[in-house]
Amino acid sequence: MPNHIHWLLQLSDSATLSEVIRSFKGRSATVYRQFGRQKLWQKGFYDHLIRNTEDLNRCARYIVANPLRANLIENIADYPYWDSIYLNS
């Protein structure tokens, strides 16, 4: 997606979600600034706790179909990351 990112993350005990997001945003913004760009990320983020297998499958399908809904591709098979293990459940 050109203006946002969707992730399915499984956290370990070594870092919180906020720490993971902070690290990712910090590192990617540093690289982005090397190309003369300014602001990359908005403050904050939206999270959703996966509560069960059905919710996981729903979220995975939403993420994979997002480029299709945004008219970036014409067929879901054109999206290089469509082959998710969660779509076969």
C-alpha atoms as a PDB file:
ATOM      1  CA  MET A   1       0.000   0.000   0.000  1.00  0.00           C
ATOM      2  CA  PRO A   2       1.412   3.396  -0.892  1.00  0.00           C
ATOM      3  CA  ASN A   3       0.352   5.284   2.225  1.00  0.00           C
ATOM      4  CA  HIS A   4       0.025   2.805   5.082  1.00  0.00           C
ATOM      5  CA  ILE A   5       1.092  -0.592   6.325  1.00  0.00           C
ATOM      6  CA  HIS A   6      -0.771  -3.583   7.706  1.00  0.00           C
ATOM      7  CA  TRP A   7       1.060  -6.197   9.742  1.00  0.00           C
ATOM      8  CA  LEU A   8       0.187  -9.373  11.546  1.00  0.00           C
ATOM      9  CA  LEU A   9       2.685  -9.644  14.374  1.00  0.00           C
ATOM     10  CA  GLN A  10       3.188 -12.288  17.002  1.00  0.00           C
ATOM     11  CA  LEU A  11       5.032 -10.687  19.879  1.00  0.00           C
ATOM     12  CA  SER A  12       7.495 -12.463  22.107  1.00  0.00           C
ATOM     13  CA  ASP A  13       8.255 -11.566  25.698  1.00  0.00           C
ATOM     14  CA  SER A  14      11.300  -9.539  24.605  1.00  0.00           C
ATOM     15  CA  ALA A  15       9.445  -6.432  23.361  1.00  0.00           C
ATOM     16  CA  THR A  16       6.071  -4.739  23.565  1.00  0.00           C
ATOM     17  CA  LEU A  17       4.087  -3.726  20.497  1.00  0.00           C
ATOM     18  CA  SER A  18       4.942  -0.075  21.159  1.00  0.00           C
ATOM     19  CA  GLU A  19       8.652  -0.910  21.271  1.00  0.00           C
ATOM     20  CA  VAL A  20       8.475  -2.863  18.003  1.00  0.00           C
ATOM     21  CA  ILE A  21       6.594  -0.054  16.239  1.00  0.00           C
ATOM     22  CA  ARG A  22       8.913   2.620  17.664  1.00  0.00           C
ATOM     23  CA  SER A  23      11.974   0.710  16.453  1.00  0.00           C
ATOM     24  CA  PHE A  24      10.533   0.122  12.977  1.00  0.00           C
ATOM     25  CA  LYS A  25       9.428   3.731  12.566  1.00  0.00           C
ATOM     26  CA  GLY A  26      12.755   5.059  13.832  1.00  0.00           C
ATOM     27  CA  ARG A  27      14.902   2.899  11.583  1.00  0.00           C
ATOM     28  CA  SER A  28      12.811   3.398   8.468  1.00  0.00           C
ATOM     29  CA  ALA A  29      12.545   7.161   9.045  1.00  0.00           C
ATOM     30  CA  THR A  30      16.341   7.377   9.368  1.00  0.00           C
ATOM     31  CA  VAL A  31      16.768   5.705   5.975  1.00  0.00           C
ATOM     32  CA  TYR A  32      14.000   7.859   4.493  1.00  0.00           C
ATOM     33  CA  ARG A  33      15.727  11.053   5.655  1.00  0.00           C
ATOM     34  CA  GLN A  34      18.944   9.989   3.888  1.00  0.00           C
ATOM     35  CA  PHE A  35      17.062  10.581   0.640  1.00  0.00           C
ATOM     36  CA  GLY A  36      16.214  14.148   1.629  1.00  0.00           C
ATOM     37  CA  ARG A  37      12.686  13.425   2.745  1.00  0.00           C
ATOM     38  CA  GLN A  38      11.193  14.874   5.893  1.00  0.00           C
ATOM     39  CA  LYS A  39       8.319  13.296   7.781  1.00  0.00           C
ATOM     40  CA  LEU A  40       7.443   9.687   7.084  1.00  0.00           C
ATOM     41  CA  TRP A  41       5.186   8.505   9.902  1.00  0.00           C
ATOM     42  CA  GLN A  42       2.235   9.997  11.696  1.00  0.00           C
ATOM     43  CA  LYS A  43       2.156   9.804  15.476  1.00  0.00           C
ATOM     44  CA  GLY A  44       0.622   6.740  17.003  1.00  0.00           C
ATOM     45  CA  PHE A  45      -0.783   3.616  15.403  1.00  0.00           C
ATOM     46  CA  TYR A  46      -3.920   1.517  15.415  1.00  0.00           C
ATOM     47  CA  ASP A  47      -3.770  -1.980  16.851  1.00  0.00           C
ATOM     48  CA  HIS A  48      -6.175  -4.885  17.005  1.00  0.00           C
ATOM     49  CA  LEU A  49      -5.800  -7.869  19.300  1.00  0.00           C
ATOM     50  CA  ILE A  50      -6.409 -11.153  17.493  1.00  0.00           C
ATOM     51  CA  ARG A  51      -8.753 -13.093  19.735  1.00  0.00           C
ATOM     52  CA  ASN A  52      -9.273 -16.359  17.881  1.00  0.00           C
ATOM     53  CA  THR A  53      -8.589 -18.237  14.655  1.00  0.00           C
ATOM     54  CA  GLU A  54     -11.606 -16.773  12.876  1.00  0.00           C
ATOM     55  CA  ASP A  55     -10.435 -13.253  13.712  1.00  0.00           C
ATOM     56  CA  LEU A  56      -6.918 -14.088  12.503  1.00  0.00           C
ATOM     57  CA  ASN A  57      -8.230 -15.402   9.187  1.00  0.00           C
ATOM     58  CA  ARG A  58     -10.512 -12.372   8.750  1.00  0.00           C
ATOM     59  CA  CYS A  59      -7.644  -9.947   9.386  1.00  0.00           C
ATOM     60  CA  ALA A  60      -5.277 -11.830   7.065  1.00  0.00           C
ATOM     61  CA  ARG A  61      -7.846 -11.796   4.273  1.00  0.00           C
ATOM     62  CA  TYR A  62      -8.471  -8.088   4.814  1.00  0.00           C
ATOM     63  CA  ILE A  63      -4.752  -7.348   4.543  1.00  0.00           C
ATOM     64  CA  VAL A  64      -4.236  -9.447   1.426  1.00  0.00           C
ATOM     65  CA  ALA A  65      -7.300  -7.958  -0.306  1.00  0.00           C
ATOM     66  CA  ASN A  66      -6.387  -4.359   0.553  1.00  0.00           C
ATOM     67  CA  PRO A  67      -4.474  -3.691  -2.720  1.00  0.00           C
ATOM     68  CA  LEU A  68      -7.431  -5.078  -4.645  1.00  0.00           C
ATOM     69  CA  ARG A  69      -9.869  -2.747  -2.852  1.00  0.00           C
ATOM     70  CA  ALA A  70      -7.492   0.170  -3.517  1.00  0.00           C
ATOM     71  CA  ASN A  71      -7.457  -0.694  -7.245  1.00  0.00           C
ATOM     72  CA  LEU A  72      -3.690  -1.231  -7.224  1.00  0.00           C
ATOM     73  CA  ILE A  73      -4.142  -4.676  -8.760  1.00  0.00           C
ATOM     74  CA  GLU A  74      -6.862  -6.274 -10.848  1.00  0.00           C
ATOM     75  CA  ASN A  75      -6.512  -9.800  -9.519  1.00  0.00           C
ATOM     76  CA  ILE A  76      -5.488 -10.933  -6.046  1.00  0.00           C
ATOM     77  CA  ALA A  77      -2.927 -13.289  -7.625  1.00  0.00           C
ATOM     78  CA  ASP A  78      -1.108 -10.190  -8.963  1.00  0.00           C
ATOM     79  CA  TYR A  79      -0.257  -9.214  -5.398  1.00  0.00           C
ATOM     80  CA  PRO A  80       3.143 -10.751  -4.539  1.00  0.00           C
ATOM     81  CA  TYR A  81       2.187 -11.491  -0.905  1.00  0.00           C
ATOM     82  CA  TRP A  82      -1.246 -12.995  -1.444  1.00  0.00           C
ATOM     83  CA  ASP A  83      -0.159 -16.535  -0.613  1.00  0.00           C
ATOM     84  CA  SER A  84      -0.654 -16.350   3.136  1.00  0.00           C
ATOM     85  CA  ILE A  85      -0.833 -19.484   5.272  1.00  0.00           C
ATOM     86  CA  TYR A  86      -3.911 -17.971   6.920  1.00  0.00           C
ATOM     87  CA  LEU A  87      -5.863 -17.931   3.670  1.00  0.00           C
ATOM     88  CA  ASN A  88      -5.757 -21.704   3.364  1.00  0.00           C
ATOM     89  CA  SER A  89      -7.453 -22.345   6.710  1.00  0.00           C
END
